[in-house]
Protein backbone atom coordinates (compact mmCIF):
# COMPACT_ATOMS: atom_id res chain seq x y z
CA GLN A 1 -0.06 -0.19 0.06
CA THR A 2 3.15 2.39 0.01
CA TRP A 3 4.16 4.26 -3.26
CA PHE A 4 6.01 7.32 -4.41
CA GLY A 5 4.29 10.23 -6.26
CA THR A 6 5.37 13.38 -7.73
CA GLN A 7 3.23 16.57 -8.31
CA ASP A 8 1.14 17.10 -11.40
CA THR A 9 4.32 18.39 -13.26
CA GLU A 10 5.18 17.70 -16.91
CA ASN A 11 8.20 15.31 -17.38
CA SER A 12 8.23 14.37 -13.65
CA PHE A 13 11.08 12.01 -12.56
CA ILE A 14 12.56 9.73 -9.75
CA ARG A 15 16.53 10.33 -9.65
CA ILE A 16 18.52 7.54 -8.00
CA ASP A 17 22.06 8.28 -6.54
CA PHE A 18 24.25 5.42 -5.72
CA LYS A 19 26.83 7.55 -3.82
CA THR A 20 30.32 6.07 -3.74
CA ARG A 21 29.31 3.04 -6.36
CA LYS A 22 28.56 2.80 -10.12
CA VAL A 23 26.09 0.32 -11.49
CA SER A 24 25.77 -1.22 -15.01
CA LEU A 25 22.29 -2.40 -16.04
CA VAL A 26 21.14 -5.22 -17.69
CA GLY A 27 17.55 -4.75 -16.86
CA TYR A 28 15.09 -3.17 -14.70
CA SER A 29 11.47 -3.58 -13.14
CA LEU A 30 8.62 -1.16 -12.35
CA LYS A 31 5.61 -1.77 -10.20
CA THR A 32 2.78 0.39 -10.23
CA HIS A 33 1.13 1.74 -7.18
CA SER A 34 -2.05 -0.13 -5.65
CA HIS A 35 -4.03 3.11 -4.76
CA GLU A 36 -7.31 3.89 -6.41
CA GLY A 37 -6.92 6.74 -8.96
CA ASN A 38 -4.28 9.21 -9.52
CA GLY A 39 -3.16 6.97 -12.91
CA HIS A 40 -0.43 4.76 -13.98
CA ILE A 41 3.03 5.27 -15.88
CA THR A 42 2.26 5.30 -19.74
CA GLY A 43 5.79 6.20 -21.26
CA TRP A 44 8.96 7.13 -19.75
CA SER A 45 12.78 7.24 -20.41
CA LEU A 46 15.54 5.76 -18.26
CA SER A 47 18.79 7.85 -18.33
CA GLY A 48 22.43 7.48 -16.75
CA SER A 49 24.91 9.96 -15.80
CA ASN A 50 28.21 10.21 -13.58
CA ASP A 51 28.06 13.83 -12.73
CA ASN A 52 24.17 14.48 -12.39
CA ASP A 53 24.39 16.90 -15.48
CA ASP A 54 25.01 15.25 -18.46
CA TRP A 55 22.43 12.33 -19.22
CA THR A 56 22.49 9.38 -21.50
CA LEU A 57 19.49 7.41 -22.64
CA ILE A 58 19.60 3.82 -21.56
CA ASP A 59 16.18 2.77 -22.55
CA SER A 60 12.86 4.25 -23.22
CA MET A 61 9.06 3.19 -23.55
CA PRO A 62 7.20 5.79 -25.78
CA MET A 63 3.85 4.21 -25.06
CA THR A 64 2.57 1.38 -23.52
CA ASP A 65 -0.94 -0.03 -21.56
CA GLN A 66 0.97 -2.49 -19.65
CA PHE A 67 0.40 -0.72 -16.31
CA ASP A 68 -3.51 -0.45 -16.55
CA SER A 69 -4.11 -2.28 -13.21
CA LEU A 70 -3.41 -1.95 -9.60
CA GLY A 71 -0.05 -3.40 -8.56
CA ALA A 72 1.21 -4.16 -11.92
CA GLU A 73 4.89 -5.11 -11.99
CA ARG A 74 6.83 -5.55 -15.21
CA TYR A 75 10.46 -6.38 -16.21
CA TYR A 76 12.47 -4.78 -18.86
CA GLN A 77 15.49 -6.52 -20.56
CA LEU A 78 18.15 -4.13 -22.00
CA ASN A 79 19.45 -4.79 -25.47
CA SER A 80 22.90 -4.69 -24.39
CA GLU A 81 24.47 -3.98 -20.88
CA ALA A 82 24.69 -0.39 -20.10
CA PRO A 83 27.86 1.51 -19.06
CA TYR A 84 28.45 1.98 -15.58
CA TYR A 85 26.65 5.04 -13.93
CA ARG A 86 26.18 6.44 -10.34
CA TYR A 87 23.11 8.53 -11.20
CA PHE A 88 19.84 6.99 -13.00
CA GLU A 89 16.61 8.97 -13.60
CA LEU A 90 13.14 7.29 -14.83
CA LYS A 91 11.35 10.09 -16.30
CA GLN A 92 7.68 10.23 -17.21
CA THR A 93 7.19 11.21 -20.82
CA ARG A 94 3.73 11.21 -21.59
CA GLN A 95 0.56 11.70 -19.31
CA ASN A 96 -0.71 8.72 -17.12
CA THR A 97 -3.56 6.64 -17.50
CA MET A 98 -6.00 9.42 -15.82
CA GLY A 99 -4.41 12.08 -18.09
CA TYR A 100 -2.27 13.72 -15.21
CA HIS A 101 1.51 14.25 -15.12
CA ASN A 102 2.05 12.66 -11.76
CA LEU A 103 4.51 9.72 -11.71
CA ARG A 104 3.35 7.06 -9.18
CA LEU A 105 5.33 4.01 -8.58
CA SER A 106 5.50 1.63 -5.83
CA GLY A 107 8.89 -0.07 -7.13
CA ILE A 108 11.98 0.26 -9.16
CA GLU A 109 14.35 -2.45 -9.47
CA PHE A 110 17.81 -2.43 -11.14
CA PHE A 111 19.46 -5.39 -12.16
CA GLY A 112 23.12 -5.59 -13.26
CA SER A 113 26.55 -5.35 -11.72
CA VAL A 114 28.24 -3.14 -8.90
CA GLN A 115 31.63 -1.36 -9.59
CA GLN A 116 33.32 -1.45 -6.09
């Protein structure tokens, strides 16, 4: 019953900082919230950065209806292993299922390697 949500702002995002480590992704999963209303994600981009300024696109989903139910979870395999990054940004690139820009998720998981 817990989830993260942004304000109704275009291009809402979640930014993750691995602090002293860098991560190379082979895939990731998203889980939508299980709360009635507020809408579910329908399009996004996932980018990586090592300086929190210059971003490189890792993956994107221009449009999908895969999260049209409460608590839906999906795994996305990358075409190739991504370079090592300290920061990751998941940006909602279109309105959610209710026509708002609120980004609402209950889970994000990254799969890959951690650089020591």
